[in-house]
Amino acid sequence: MKSVADRSAGVLAILAGCLSLREAYRLYPYHVSLLGGDHVFPAFIGGGLALAGIWLALFPGEAVRQDGGEQAIRRFLPKTGLIPLLLLIYTFLLPWAGYPAATSLAAALLFRLLGTGRWWRCAVYALLLTAGLYLIFIEWLHTPFPAGTVWQSSRR
């Protein structure tokens, strides 16, 4: 039996994608070039959501039956309760330790908390994520991120 949750999530993703594409169409008259302007990001997000929703609606996964669902929920809840605390700690750690160190640490802890695998795998994924985000936001988009006061005080 195919998953009803997948199909309904696919339909919701298609609707959200269509709304985003409509917003991109509305913003298109203000464009600078085809790929430059306020319409580009909503168009990419809307297109991705619509395509993923179509895929999910047409090819849903098999329905999963879980034995002992209550136990699985109780085991999962303490871990998910730590996520807001970890993000709060990240907001305080970011100005002090700087973007690369704080993001790598927070990402590794989040990956481990959500069950990605062993610590070394979480650390590798965290470093790849941090490097990718650094490349996009700091190198390409020239967004200033905090360098960290701990590193600036050691340079003096």
C-alpha atoms as a PDB file:
ATOM      1  CA  MET A   1       0.000   0.000   0.000  1.00  0.00           C
ATOM      2  CA  LYS A   2       1.367   3.397  -0.952  1.00  0.00           C
ATOM      3  CA  SER A   3       1.832   6.050   1.694  1.00  0.00           C
ATOM      4  CA  VAL A   4      -1.008   8.560   1.953  1.00  0.00           C
ATOM      5  CA  ALA A   5       1.317  10.866   3.893  1.00  0.00           C
ATOM      6  CA  ASP A   6       3.725  11.012   0.942  1.00  0.00           C
ATOM      7  CA  ARG A   7       0.963  11.843  -1.497  1.00  0.00           C
ATOM      8  CA  SER A   8      -0.545  14.542   0.702  1.00  0.00           C
ATOM      9  CA  ALA A   9       2.913  16.022   1.365  1.00  0.00           C
ATOM     10  CA  GLY A  10       3.523  15.993  -2.389  1.00  0.00           C
ATOM     11  CA  VAL A  11       0.302  17.892  -3.039  1.00  0.00           C
ATOM     12  CA  LEU A  12       1.186  20.451  -0.345  1.00  0.00           C
ATOM     13  CA  ALA A  13       4.671  20.879  -1.847  1.00  0.00           C
ATOM     14  CA  ILE A  14       3.136  21.428  -5.291  1.00  0.00           C
ATOM     15  CA  LEU A  15       0.812  24.090  -3.872  1.00  0.00           C
ATOM     16  CA  ALA A  16       3.656  25.843  -2.040  1.00  0.00           C
ATOM     17  CA  GLY A  17       5.788  25.679  -5.196  1.00  0.00           C
ATOM     18  CA  CYS A  18       2.994  27.188  -7.288  1.00  0.00           C
ATOM     19  CA  LEU A  19       2.605  30.034  -4.781  1.00  0.00           C
ATOM     20  CA  SER A  20       6.333  30.712  -4.933  1.00  0.00           C
ATOM     21  CA  LEU A  21       6.340  30.575  -8.742  1.00  0.00           C
ATOM     22  CA  ARG A  22       3.416  33.014  -8.802  1.00  0.00           C
ATOM     23  CA  GLU A  23       5.403  35.398  -6.609  1.00  0.00           C
ATOM     24  CA  ALA A  24       8.403  35.065  -8.942  1.00  0.00           C
ATOM     25  CA  TYR A  25       6.164  35.877 -11.900  1.00  0.00           C
ATOM     26  CA  ARG A  26       4.822  38.922 -10.058  1.00  0.00           C
ATOM     27  CA  LEU A  27       8.372  40.135  -9.312  1.00  0.00           C
ATOM     28  CA  TYR A  28       9.723  39.512 -12.832  1.00  0.00           C
ATOM     29  CA  PRO A  29       8.993  43.046 -14.171  1.00  0.00           C
ATOM     30  CA  TYR A  30      11.577  44.388 -11.700  1.00  0.00           C
ATOM     31  CA  HIS A  31      14.358  42.160 -13.037  1.00  0.00           C
ATOM     32  CA  VAL A  32      17.834  43.360 -13.945  1.00  0.00           C
ATOM     33  CA  SER A  33      18.602  40.350 -16.128  1.00  0.00           C
ATOM     34  CA  LEU A  34      17.155  36.882 -16.532  1.00  0.00           C
ATOM     35  CA  LEU A  35      19.096  35.521 -13.559  1.00  0.00           C
ATOM     36  CA  GLY A  36      19.431  38.800 -11.692  1.00  0.00           C
ATOM     37  CA  GLY A  37      16.656  40.258  -9.651  1.00  0.00           C
ATOM     38  CA  ASP A  38      14.157  39.628  -6.909  1.00  0.00           C
ATOM     39  CA  HIS A  39      12.351  36.966  -8.917  1.00  0.00           C
ATOM     40  CA  VAL A  40      15.211  34.454  -9.098  1.00  0.00           C
ATOM     41  CA  PHE A  41      15.139  32.973  -5.594  1.00  0.00           C
ATOM     42  CA  PRO A  42      11.349  32.435  -5.465  1.00  0.00           C
ATOM     43  CA  ALA A  43      11.530  30.899  -8.946  1.00  0.00           C
ATOM     44  CA  PHE A  44      14.224  28.394  -7.941  1.00  0.00           C
ATOM     45  CA  ILE A  45      12.491  27.524  -4.674  1.00  0.00           C
ATOM     46  CA  GLY A  46       9.093  27.240  -6.353  1.00  0.00           C
ATOM     47  CA  GLY A  47      10.422  25.114  -9.184  1.00  0.00           C
ATOM     48  CA  GLY A  48      12.219  22.801  -6.775  1.00  0.00           C
ATOM     49  CA  LEU A  49       9.192  22.461  -4.523  1.00  0.00           C
ATOM     50  CA  ALA A  50       6.868  21.807  -7.452  1.00  0.00           C
ATOM     51  CA  LEU A  51       9.174  19.177  -8.982  1.00  0.00           C
ATOM     52  CA  ALA A  52       9.762  17.446  -5.650  1.00  0.00           C
ATOM     53  CA  GLY A  53       6.035  17.524  -4.924  1.00  0.00           C
ATOM     54  CA  ILE A  54       5.194  16.018  -8.302  1.00  0.00           C
ATOM     55  CA  TRP A  55       7.754  13.273  -7.738  1.00  0.00           C
ATOM     56  CA  LEU A  56       6.426  12.573  -4.246  1.00  0.00           C
ATOM     57  CA  ALA A  57       2.798  12.559  -5.368  1.00  0.00           C
ATOM     58  CA  LEU A  58       3.414  10.280  -8.348  1.00  0.00           C
ATOM     59  CA  PHE A  59       5.914   7.901  -6.730  1.00  0.00           C
ATOM     60  CA  PRO A  60       5.126   7.681  -2.996  1.00  0.00           C
ATOM     61  CA  GLY A  61       7.008   5.271  -0.800  1.00  0.00           C
ATOM     62  CA  GLU A  62       5.550   2.202   0.786  1.00  0.00           C
ATOM     63  CA  ALA A  63       3.545   2.723   3.955  1.00  0.00           C
ATOM     64  CA  VAL A  64       5.679   1.853   6.970  1.00  0.00           C
ATOM     65  CA  ARG A  65       4.230  -0.110   9.860  1.00  0.00           C
ATOM     66  CA  GLN A  66       5.974   0.342  13.171  1.00  0.00           C
ATOM     67  CA  ASP A  67       5.687  -2.014  16.071  1.00  0.00           C
ATOM     68  CA  GLY A  68       5.882  -0.326  19.439  1.00  0.00           C
ATOM     69  CA  GLY A  69       5.197   3.151  18.092  1.00  0.00           C
ATOM     70  CA  GLU A  70       4.839   4.633  21.570  1.00  0.00           C
ATOM     71  CA  GLN A  71       8.312   3.460  22.571  1.00  0.00           C
ATOM     72  CA  ALA A  72       9.839   4.892  19.407  1.00  0.00           C
ATOM     73  CA  ILE A  73       8.176   8.252  20.043  1.00  0.00           C
ATOM     74  CA  ARG A  74       9.366   8.336  23.655  1.00  0.00           C
ATOM     75  CA  ARG A  75      12.947   7.540  22.583  1.00  0.00           C
ATOM     76  CA  PHE A  76      12.871  10.250  19.906  1.00  0.00           C
ATOM     77  CA  LEU A  77      11.392  13.084  21.992  1.00  0.00           C
ATOM     78  CA  PRO A  78      14.335  13.702  24.364  1.00  0.00           C
ATOM     79  CA  LYS A  79      16.660  14.088  21.375  1.00  0.00           C
ATOM     80  CA  THR A  80      14.361  16.502  19.572  1.00  0.00           C
ATOM     81  CA  GLY A  81      13.969  18.516  22.756  1.00  0.00           C
ATOM     82  CA  LEU A  82      17.708  19.249  22.693  1.00  0.00           C
ATOM     83  CA  ILE A  83      17.593  20.883  19.254  1.00  0.00           C
ATOM     84  CA  PRO A  84      16.249  24.305  20.402  1.00  0.00           C
ATOM     85  CA  LEU A  85      18.765  24.308  23.262  1.00  0.00           C
ATOM     86  CA  LEU A  86      21.600  23.543  20.844  1.00  0.00           C
ATOM     87  CA  LEU A  87      20.471  26.326  18.492  1.00  0.00           C
ATOM     88  CA  LEU A  88      20.298  28.762  21.420  1.00  0.00           C
ATOM     89  CA  ILE A  89      23.843  27.832  22.425  1.00  0.00           C
ATOM     90  CA  TYR A  90      24.884  28.297  18.775  1.00  0.00           C
ATOM     91  CA  THR A  91      23.557  31.881  18.771  1.00  0.00           C
ATOM     92  CA  PHE A  92      25.762  32.708  21.767  1.00  0.00           C
ATOM     93  CA  LEU A  93      28.740  30.754  20.445  1.00  0.00           C
ATOM     94  CA  LEU A  94      28.655  32.351  16.973  1.00  0.00           C
ATOM     95  CA  PRO A  95      29.924  35.856  17.894  1.00  0.00           C
ATOM     96  CA  TRP A  96      32.491  34.439  20.316  1.00  0.00           C
ATOM     97  CA  ALA A  97      33.979  31.526  18.341  1.00  0.00           C
ATOM     98  CA  GLY A  98      33.216  32.797  14.850  1.00  0.00           C
ATOM     99  CA  TYR A  99      31.272  31.340  11.972  1.00  0.00           C
ATOM    100  CA  PRO A 100      33.466  28.393  10.891  1.00  0.00           C
ATOM    101  CA  ALA A 101      34.113  26.979  14.364  1.00  0.00           C
ATOM    102  CA  ALA A 102      30.612  27.510  15.743  1.00  0.00           C
ATOM    103  CA  THR A 103      28.871  26.197  12.637  1.00  0.00           C
ATOM    104  CA  SER A 104      31.078  23.112  12.415  1.00  0.00           C
ATOM    105  CA  LEU A 105      30.481  22.283  16.060  1.00  0.00           C
ATOM    106  CA  ALA A 106      26.729  22.907  15.939  1.00  0.00           C
ATOM    107  CA  ALA A 107      26.317  20.967  12.693  1.00  0.00           C
ATOM    108  CA  ALA A 108      28.280  17.984  14.020  1.00  0.00           C
ATOM    109  CA  LEU A 109      26.175  17.911  17.183  1.00  0.00           C
ATOM    110  CA  LEU A 110      22.950  18.248  15.208  1.00  0.00           C
ATOM    111  CA  PHE A 111      23.945  15.492  12.789  1.00  0.00           C
ATOM    112  CA  ARG A 112      24.819  13.212  15.711  1.00  0.00           C
ATOM    113  CA  LEU A 113      21.642  14.153  17.571  1.00  0.00           C
ATOM    114  CA  LEU A 114      19.470  13.363  14.575  1.00  0.00           C
ATOM    115  CA  GLY A 115      21.180  10.022  14.078  1.00  0.00           C
ATOM    116  CA  THR A 116      23.294  10.485  10.959  1.00  0.00           C
ATOM    117  CA  GLY A 117      25.894   7.984  12.117  1.00  0.00           C
ATOM    118  CA  ARG A 118      29.179   7.790  13.944  1.00  0.00           C
ATOM    119  CA  TRP A 119      31.049  10.829  15.203  1.00  0.00           C
ATOM    120  CA  TRP A 120      33.635  10.829  12.418  1.00  0.00           C
ATOM    121  CA  ARG A 121      30.905  10.795   9.771  1.00  0.00           C
ATOM    122  CA  CYS A 122      29.062  13.628  11.529  1.00  0.00           C
ATOM    123  CA  ALA A 123      32.293  15.630  11.700  1.00  0.00           C
ATOM    124  CA  VAL A 124      32.980  15.122   7.985  1.00  0.00           C
ATOM    125  CA  TYR A 125      29.418  16.137   7.067  1.00  0.00           C
ATOM    126  CA  ALA A 126      29.657  19.174   9.347  1.00  0.00           C
ATOM    127  CA  LEU A 127      32.928  20.295   7.771  1.00  0.00           C
ATOM    128  CA  LEU A 128      31.503  19.847   4.268  1.00  0.00           C
ATOM    129  CA  LEU A 129      28.378  21.804   5.207  1.00  0.00           C
ATOM    130  CA  THR A 130      30.410  24.592   6.799  1.00  0.00           C
ATOM    131  CA  ALA A 131      32.753  24.794   3.804  1.00  0.00           C
ATOM    132  CA  GLY A 132      29.838  24.878   1.370  1.00  0.00           C
ATOM    133  CA  LEU A 133      27.985  27.578   3.277  1.00  0.00           C
ATOM    134  CA  TYR A 134      31.224  29.548   3.667  1.00  0.00           C
ATOM    135  CA  LEU A 135      31.810  29.370  -0.077  1.00  0.00           C
ATOM    136  CA  ILE A 136      28.270  30.473  -0.919  1.00  0.00           C
ATOM    137  CA  PHE A 137      27.708  33.216   1.627  1.00  0.00           C
ATOM    138  CA  ILE A 138      31.156  34.620   2.388  1.00  0.00           C
ATOM    139  CA  GLU A 139      33.055  34.122  -0.858  1.00  0.00           C
ATOM    140  CA  TRP A 140      30.340  34.472  -3.508  1.00  0.00           C
ATOM    141  CA  LEU A 141      27.728  36.684  -1.844  1.00  0.00           C
ATOM    142  CA  HIS A 142      30.206  38.655   0.331  1.00  0.00           C
ATOM    143  CA  THR A 143      27.984  38.385   3.396  1.00  0.00           C
ATOM    144  CA  PRO A 144      29.892  39.424   6.513  1.00  0.00           C
ATOM    145  CA  PHE A 145      29.814  36.695   9.152  1.00  0.00           C
ATOM    146  CA  PRO A 146      31.347  37.039  12.618  1.00  0.00           C
ATOM    147  CA  ALA A 147      35.019  36.140  12.764  1.00  0.00           C
ATOM    148  CA  GLY A 148      34.883  35.515  16.499  1.00  0.00           C
ATOM    149  CA  THR A 149      36.308  37.526  19.348  1.00  0.00           C
ATOM    150  CA  VAL A 150      38.378  34.613  20.624  1.00  0.00           C
ATOM    151  CA  TRP A 151      40.402  34.529  17.390  1.00  0.00           C
ATOM    152  CA  GLN A 152      40.802  38.302  17.127  1.00  0.00           C
ATOM    153  CA  SER A 153      42.153  38.598  20.661  1.00  0.00           C
ATOM    154  CA  SER A 154      44.779  35.920  19.931  1.00  0.00           C
ATOM    155  CA  ARG A 155      46.046  37.855  16.865  1.00  0.00           C
ATOM    156  CA  ARG A 156      47.133  40.881  18.897  1.00  0.00           C
END
